Amino acid sequence: HGMQARLQHEYELRADLAAPWAVQALDWFMTDAYTILVQQDPGGELLENLLGTPMPLPLFFRLACGMARAVGGLHGQEIVHKEIQPAHMLLDLASGQTHLLGFGNAALGDDRGLMFFVYGVILFWFEPGGKLRESFVDAVGRRHRRRDNERRSRFVN
């Protein structure tokens, strides 16, 4: 998918994504130079900006619960995101609520006959000194750790 197709697809999914765990698409249009997807701004902080920084345990658990609720809501509606990663999780640090974004490659399970299964798990943990880290453990137990110099993860849900 090119960027234009991804943005259009995300806009077309707006009725399916009308949920408290999704950043809402409000409008989509093209100019001569750009394709633009207008989205709500629920506020919050991208998870990718929090990685590698010290975090108190109560905040960690509040955010972890919010992320679990968001992904559970997504999968409860039989939507496969295909690109769950820290850059696509917007977190409210006070409440823990998570809004997911980046649905340009998402698929609806009921429309495409997709089977849901657990391929792997993203793990978040604290290193000594309180730095938050992440890795992905796939279905056969291989661990894929994000290096500090990588800007974005390539983990897929």
C-alpha atoms as a PDB file:
ATOM      1  CA  HIS A   1       0.000   0.000   0.000  1.00  0.00           C
ATOM      2  CA  GLY A   2       1.205   3.474  -0.835  1.00  0.00           C
ATOM      3  CA  MET A   3       0.692   6.243   1.691  1.00  0.00           C
ATOM      4  CA  GLN A   4      -2.347   7.624  -0.154  1.00  0.00           C
ATOM      5  CA  ALA A   5      -4.048   4.215  -0.133  1.00  0.00           C
ATOM      6  CA  ARG A   6      -3.199   3.691   3.555  1.00  0.00           C
ATOM      7  CA  LEU A   7      -4.690   7.034   4.585  1.00  0.00           C
ATOM      8  CA  GLN A   8      -7.800   6.468   2.496  1.00  0.00           C
ATOM      9  CA  HIS A   9      -8.209   2.971   3.961  1.00  0.00           C
ATOM     10  CA  GLU A  10      -7.906   4.310   7.511  1.00  0.00           C
ATOM     11  CA  TYR A  11     -10.586   6.901   6.730  1.00  0.00           C
ATOM     12  CA  GLU A  12     -12.873   4.236   5.228  1.00  0.00           C
ATOM     13  CA  LEU A  13     -12.607   2.245   8.487  1.00  0.00           C
ATOM     14  CA  ARG A  14     -13.838   5.200  10.577  1.00  0.00           C
ATOM     15  CA  ALA A  15     -17.235   3.621  11.390  1.00  0.00           C
ATOM     16  CA  ASP A  16     -15.523   0.417  12.568  1.00  0.00           C
ATOM     17  CA  LEU A  17     -13.049   2.462  14.620  1.00  0.00           C
ATOM     18  CA  ALA A  18     -15.672   4.585  16.395  1.00  0.00           C
ATOM     19  CA  ALA A  19     -14.548   3.363  19.807  1.00  0.00           C
ATOM     20  CA  PRO A  20     -12.857   4.885  22.863  1.00  0.00           C
ATOM     21  CA  TRP A  21      -9.601   3.032  22.084  1.00  0.00           C
ATOM     22  CA  ALA A  22      -9.108   4.487  18.571  1.00  0.00           C
ATOM     23  CA  VAL A  23      -8.005   7.906  17.360  1.00  0.00           C
ATOM     24  CA  GLN A  24     -10.937   8.991  15.203  1.00  0.00           C
ATOM     25  CA  ALA A  25     -10.515   9.918  11.539  1.00  0.00           C
ATOM     26  CA  LEU A  26     -12.515  13.090  10.858  1.00  0.00           C
ATOM     27  CA  ASP A  27     -11.824  13.844   7.198  1.00  0.00           C
ATOM     28  CA  TRP A  28      -9.705  12.748   4.244  1.00  0.00           C
ATOM     29  CA  PHE A  29      -8.803  14.754   1.166  1.00  0.00           C
ATOM     30  CA  MET A  30      -6.144  15.241  -1.481  1.00  0.00           C
ATOM     31  CA  THR A  31      -4.425  18.350  -2.783  1.00  0.00           C
ATOM     32  CA  ASP A  32      -2.075  18.596  -5.733  1.00  0.00           C
ATOM     33  CA  ALA A  33       0.873  17.883  -3.431  1.00  0.00           C
ATOM     34  CA  TYR A  34      -0.493  15.981  -0.412  1.00  0.00           C
ATOM     35  CA  THR A  35      -2.925  13.397   0.825  1.00  0.00           C
ATOM     36  CA  ILE A  36      -4.286  14.464   4.212  1.00  0.00           C
ATOM     37  CA  LEU A  37      -6.049  12.480   6.924  1.00  0.00           C
ATOM     38  CA  VAL A  38      -7.534  14.738   9.596  1.00  0.00           C
ATOM     39  CA  GLN A  39      -7.770  12.997  12.974  1.00  0.00           C
ATOM     40  CA  GLN A  40      -8.992  13.922  16.425  1.00  0.00           C
ATOM     41  CA  ASP A  41      -6.380  14.834  18.998  1.00  0.00           C
ATOM     42  CA  PRO A  42      -7.305  13.075  22.244  1.00  0.00           C
ATOM     43  CA  GLY A  43      -4.061  14.302  23.827  1.00  0.00           C
ATOM     44  CA  GLY A  44      -1.485  12.081  25.440  1.00  0.00           C
ATOM     45  CA  GLU A  45       2.016  10.843  24.775  1.00  0.00           C
ATOM     46  CA  LEU A  46       3.206   8.319  22.189  1.00  0.00           C
ATOM     47  CA  LEU A  47       4.543   5.187  23.848  1.00  0.00           C
ATOM     48  CA  GLU A  48       7.651   5.381  21.644  1.00  0.00           C
ATOM     49  CA  ASN A  49       8.585   8.635  23.410  1.00  0.00           C
ATOM     50  CA  LEU A  50       8.438   6.930  26.815  1.00  0.00           C
ATOM     51  CA  LEU A  51      10.726   4.004  26.014  1.00  0.00           C
ATOM     52  CA  GLY A  52      14.135   4.167  27.643  1.00  0.00           C
ATOM     53  CA  THR A  53      13.079   6.637  30.329  1.00  0.00           C
ATOM     54  CA  PRO A  54      12.569   5.923  34.041  1.00  0.00           C
ATOM     55  CA  MET A  55       8.942   5.276  35.003  1.00  0.00           C
ATOM     56  CA  PRO A  56       7.388   4.664  38.433  1.00  0.00           C
ATOM     57  CA  LEU A  57       5.757   1.222  38.764  1.00  0.00           C
ATOM     58  CA  PRO A  58       2.226   2.579  39.443  1.00  0.00           C
ATOM     59  CA  LEU A  59       2.379   4.538  36.174  1.00  0.00           C
ATOM     60  CA  PHE A  60       3.736   1.501  34.314  1.00  0.00           C
ATOM     61  CA  PHE A  61       0.849  -0.689  35.511  1.00  0.00           C
ATOM     62  CA  ARG A  62      -1.748   2.020  34.772  1.00  0.00           C
ATOM     63  CA  LEU A  63      -0.429   2.331  31.205  1.00  0.00           C
ATOM     64  CA  ALA A  64      -0.099  -1.448  30.739  1.00  0.00           C
ATOM     65  CA  CYS A  65      -3.741  -1.922  31.758  1.00  0.00           C
ATOM     66  CA  GLY A  66      -4.814   0.829  29.349  1.00  0.00           C
ATOM     67  CA  MET A  67      -2.874  -0.760  26.492  1.00  0.00           C
ATOM     68  CA  ALA A  68      -4.393  -4.167  27.253  1.00  0.00           C
ATOM     69  CA  ARG A  69      -7.913  -2.669  27.272  1.00  0.00           C
ATOM     70  CA  ALA A  70      -7.298  -0.918  23.925  1.00  0.00           C
ATOM     71  CA  VAL A  71      -5.896  -3.990  22.169  1.00  0.00           C
ATOM     72  CA  GLY A  72      -8.632  -6.143  23.728  1.00  0.00           C
ATOM     73  CA  GLY A  73     -11.280  -3.741  22.406  1.00  0.00           C
ATOM     74  CA  LEU A  74      -9.683  -3.782  18.965  1.00  0.00           C
ATOM     75  CA  HIS A  75      -9.608  -7.570  18.796  1.00  0.00           C
ATOM     76  CA  GLY A  76     -13.073  -7.791  20.369  1.00  0.00           C
ATOM     77  CA  GLN A  77     -14.365  -6.010  17.258  1.00  0.00           C
ATOM     78  CA  GLU A  78     -12.420  -8.474  15.071  1.00  0.00           C
ATOM     79  CA  ILE A  79     -10.073  -5.841  13.708  1.00  0.00           C
ATOM     80  CA  VAL A  80      -6.477  -6.813  12.998  1.00  0.00           C
ATOM     81  CA  HIS A  81      -4.259  -3.728  13.219  1.00  0.00           C
ATOM     82  CA  LYS A  82      -1.171  -5.357  11.614  1.00  0.00           C
ATOM     83  CA  GLU A  83       1.182  -2.639  12.901  1.00  0.00           C
ATOM     84  CA  ILE A  84       0.835  -2.421  16.668  1.00  0.00           C
ATOM     85  CA  GLN A  85       3.959  -0.666  17.840  1.00  0.00           C
ATOM     86  CA  PRO A  86       4.901   2.074  20.302  1.00  0.00           C
ATOM     87  CA  ALA A  87       4.511   4.749  17.587  1.00  0.00           C
ATOM     88  CA  HIS A  88       0.832   3.757  17.241  1.00  0.00           C
ATOM     89  CA  MET A  89      -0.136   3.936  20.933  1.00  0.00           C
ATOM     90  CA  LEU A  90      -1.148   7.311  22.351  1.00  0.00           C
ATOM     91  CA  LEU A  91      -1.282   7.171  26.156  1.00  0.00           C
ATOM     92  CA  ASP A  92      -2.996   9.421  28.700  1.00  0.00           C
ATOM     93  CA  LEU A  93      -0.485   9.311  31.561  1.00  0.00           C
ATOM     94  CA  ALA A  94      -3.048  10.383  34.178  1.00  0.00           C
ATOM     95  CA  SER A  95      -5.840   7.924  33.354  1.00  0.00           C
ATOM     96  CA  GLY A  96      -3.880   5.226  31.510  1.00  0.00           C
ATOM     97  CA  GLN A  97      -6.333   5.305  28.598  1.00  0.00           C
ATOM     98  CA  THR A  98      -4.756   4.239  25.319  1.00  0.00           C
ATOM     99  CA  HIS A  99      -5.808   5.417  21.872  1.00  0.00           C
ATOM    100  CA  LEU A 100      -4.543   3.370  18.928  1.00  0.00           C
ATOM    101  CA  LEU A 101      -3.689   4.928  15.569  1.00  0.00           C
ATOM    102  CA  GLY A 102      -2.018   3.918  12.306  1.00  0.00           C
ATOM    103  CA  PHE A 103      -4.804   1.727  10.877  1.00  0.00           C
ATOM    104  CA  GLY A 104      -3.693   2.078   7.240  1.00  0.00           C
ATOM    105  CA  ASN A 105      -3.088  -1.677   6.877  1.00  0.00           C
ATOM    106  CA  ALA A 106      -5.801  -2.860   9.268  1.00  0.00           C
ATOM    107  CA  ALA A 107      -8.193  -5.631   8.257  1.00  0.00           C
ATOM    108  CA  LEU A 108     -11.663  -6.538   9.442  1.00  0.00           C
ATOM    109  CA  GLY A 109     -11.870 -10.182  10.464  1.00  0.00           C
ATOM    110  CA  ASP A 110     -15.496 -10.647   9.475  1.00  0.00           C
ATOM    111  CA  ASP A 111     -14.954  -9.170   5.986  1.00  0.00           C
ATOM    112  CA  ARG A 112     -11.875 -11.146   5.108  1.00  0.00           C
ATOM    113  CA  GLY A 113     -12.378 -14.447   6.890  1.00  0.00           C
ATOM    114  CA  LEU A 114      -9.282 -13.880   9.005  1.00  0.00           C
ATOM    115  CA  MET A 115      -8.577 -16.237  11.858  1.00  0.00           C
ATOM    116  CA  PHE A 116      -7.430 -14.686  15.079  1.00  0.00           C
ATOM    117  CA  PHE A 117      -4.517 -16.295  16.844  1.00  0.00           C
ATOM    118  CA  VAL A 118      -1.720 -15.205  19.113  1.00  0.00           C
ATOM    119  CA  TYR A 119       1.501 -15.018  17.137  1.00  0.00           C
ATOM    120  CA  GLY A 120       3.539 -13.536  19.916  1.00  0.00           C
ATOM    121  CA  VAL A 121       3.635 -11.067  22.719  1.00  0.00           C
ATOM    122  CA  ILE A 122       5.208  -7.656  23.201  1.00  0.00           C
ATOM    123  CA  LEU A 123       6.936  -7.453  26.554  1.00  0.00           C
ATOM    124  CA  PHE A 124       7.663  -4.259  28.413  1.00  0.00           C
ATOM    125  CA  TRP A 125       9.976  -4.332  31.418  1.00  0.00           C
ATOM    126  CA  PHE A 126      12.193  -2.166  33.572  1.00  0.00           C
ATOM    127  CA  GLU A 127      15.971  -2.339  33.452  1.00  0.00           C
ATOM    128  CA  PRO A 128      18.031  -1.364  36.493  1.00  0.00           C
ATOM    129  CA  GLY A 129      17.657   2.376  36.909  1.00  0.00           C
ATOM    130  CA  GLY A 130      13.986   2.249  35.950  1.00  0.00           C
ATOM    131  CA  LYS A 131      14.348   2.474  32.143  1.00  0.00           C
ATOM    132  CA  LEU A 132      11.355   1.078  30.275  1.00  0.00           C
ATOM    133  CA  ARG A 133      12.321  -1.403  27.520  1.00  0.00           C
ATOM    134  CA  GLU A 134      10.425  -3.587  25.061  1.00  0.00           C
ATOM    135  CA  SER A 135      10.906  -6.804  23.127  1.00  0.00           C
ATOM    136  CA  PHE A 136       8.764  -9.175  21.114  1.00  0.00           C
ATOM    137  CA  VAL A 137       8.594 -12.898  21.805  1.00  0.00           C
ATOM    138  CA  ASP A 138       7.258 -14.856  18.847  1.00  0.00           C
ATOM    139  CA  ALA A 139       5.251 -18.076  18.898  1.00  0.00           C
ATOM    140  CA  VAL A 140       8.323 -20.298  19.077  1.00  0.00           C
ATOM    141  CA  GLY A 141       9.921 -18.314  21.875  1.00  0.00           C
ATOM    142  CA  ARG A 142      12.475 -16.293  19.903  1.00  0.00           C
ATOM    143  CA  ARG A 143      13.058 -12.876  21.409  1.00  0.00           C
ATOM    144  CA  HIS A 144      13.361  -9.826  19.170  1.00  0.00           C
ATOM    145  CA  ARG A 145      14.721  -6.844  21.074  1.00  0.00           C
ATOM    146  CA  ARG A 146      14.528  -3.301  19.803  1.00  0.00           C
ATOM    147  CA  ARG A 147      17.938  -1.682  19.706  1.00  0.00           C
ATOM    148  CA  ASP A 148      18.333   1.759  21.296  1.00  0.00           C
ATOM    149  CA  ASN A 149      19.250   3.312  17.956  1.00  0.00           C
ATOM    150  CA  GLU A 150      16.094   2.068  16.197  1.00  0.00           C
ATOM    151  CA  ARG A 151      13.525   4.851  15.958  1.00  0.00           C
ATOM    152  CA  ARG A 152      10.513   2.641  15.249  1.00  0.00           C
ATOM    153  CA  SER A 153       9.618  -0.924  16.053  1.00  0.00           C
ATOM    154  CA  ARG A 154       8.567  -3.362  13.383  1.00  0.00           C
ATOM    155  CA  PHE A 155       6.401  -5.478  15.658  1.00  0.00           C
ATOM    156  CA  VAL A 156       3.108  -6.714  14.207  1.00  0.00           C
ATOM    157  CA  ASN A 157       0.050  -7.819  16.141  1.00  0.00           C
END
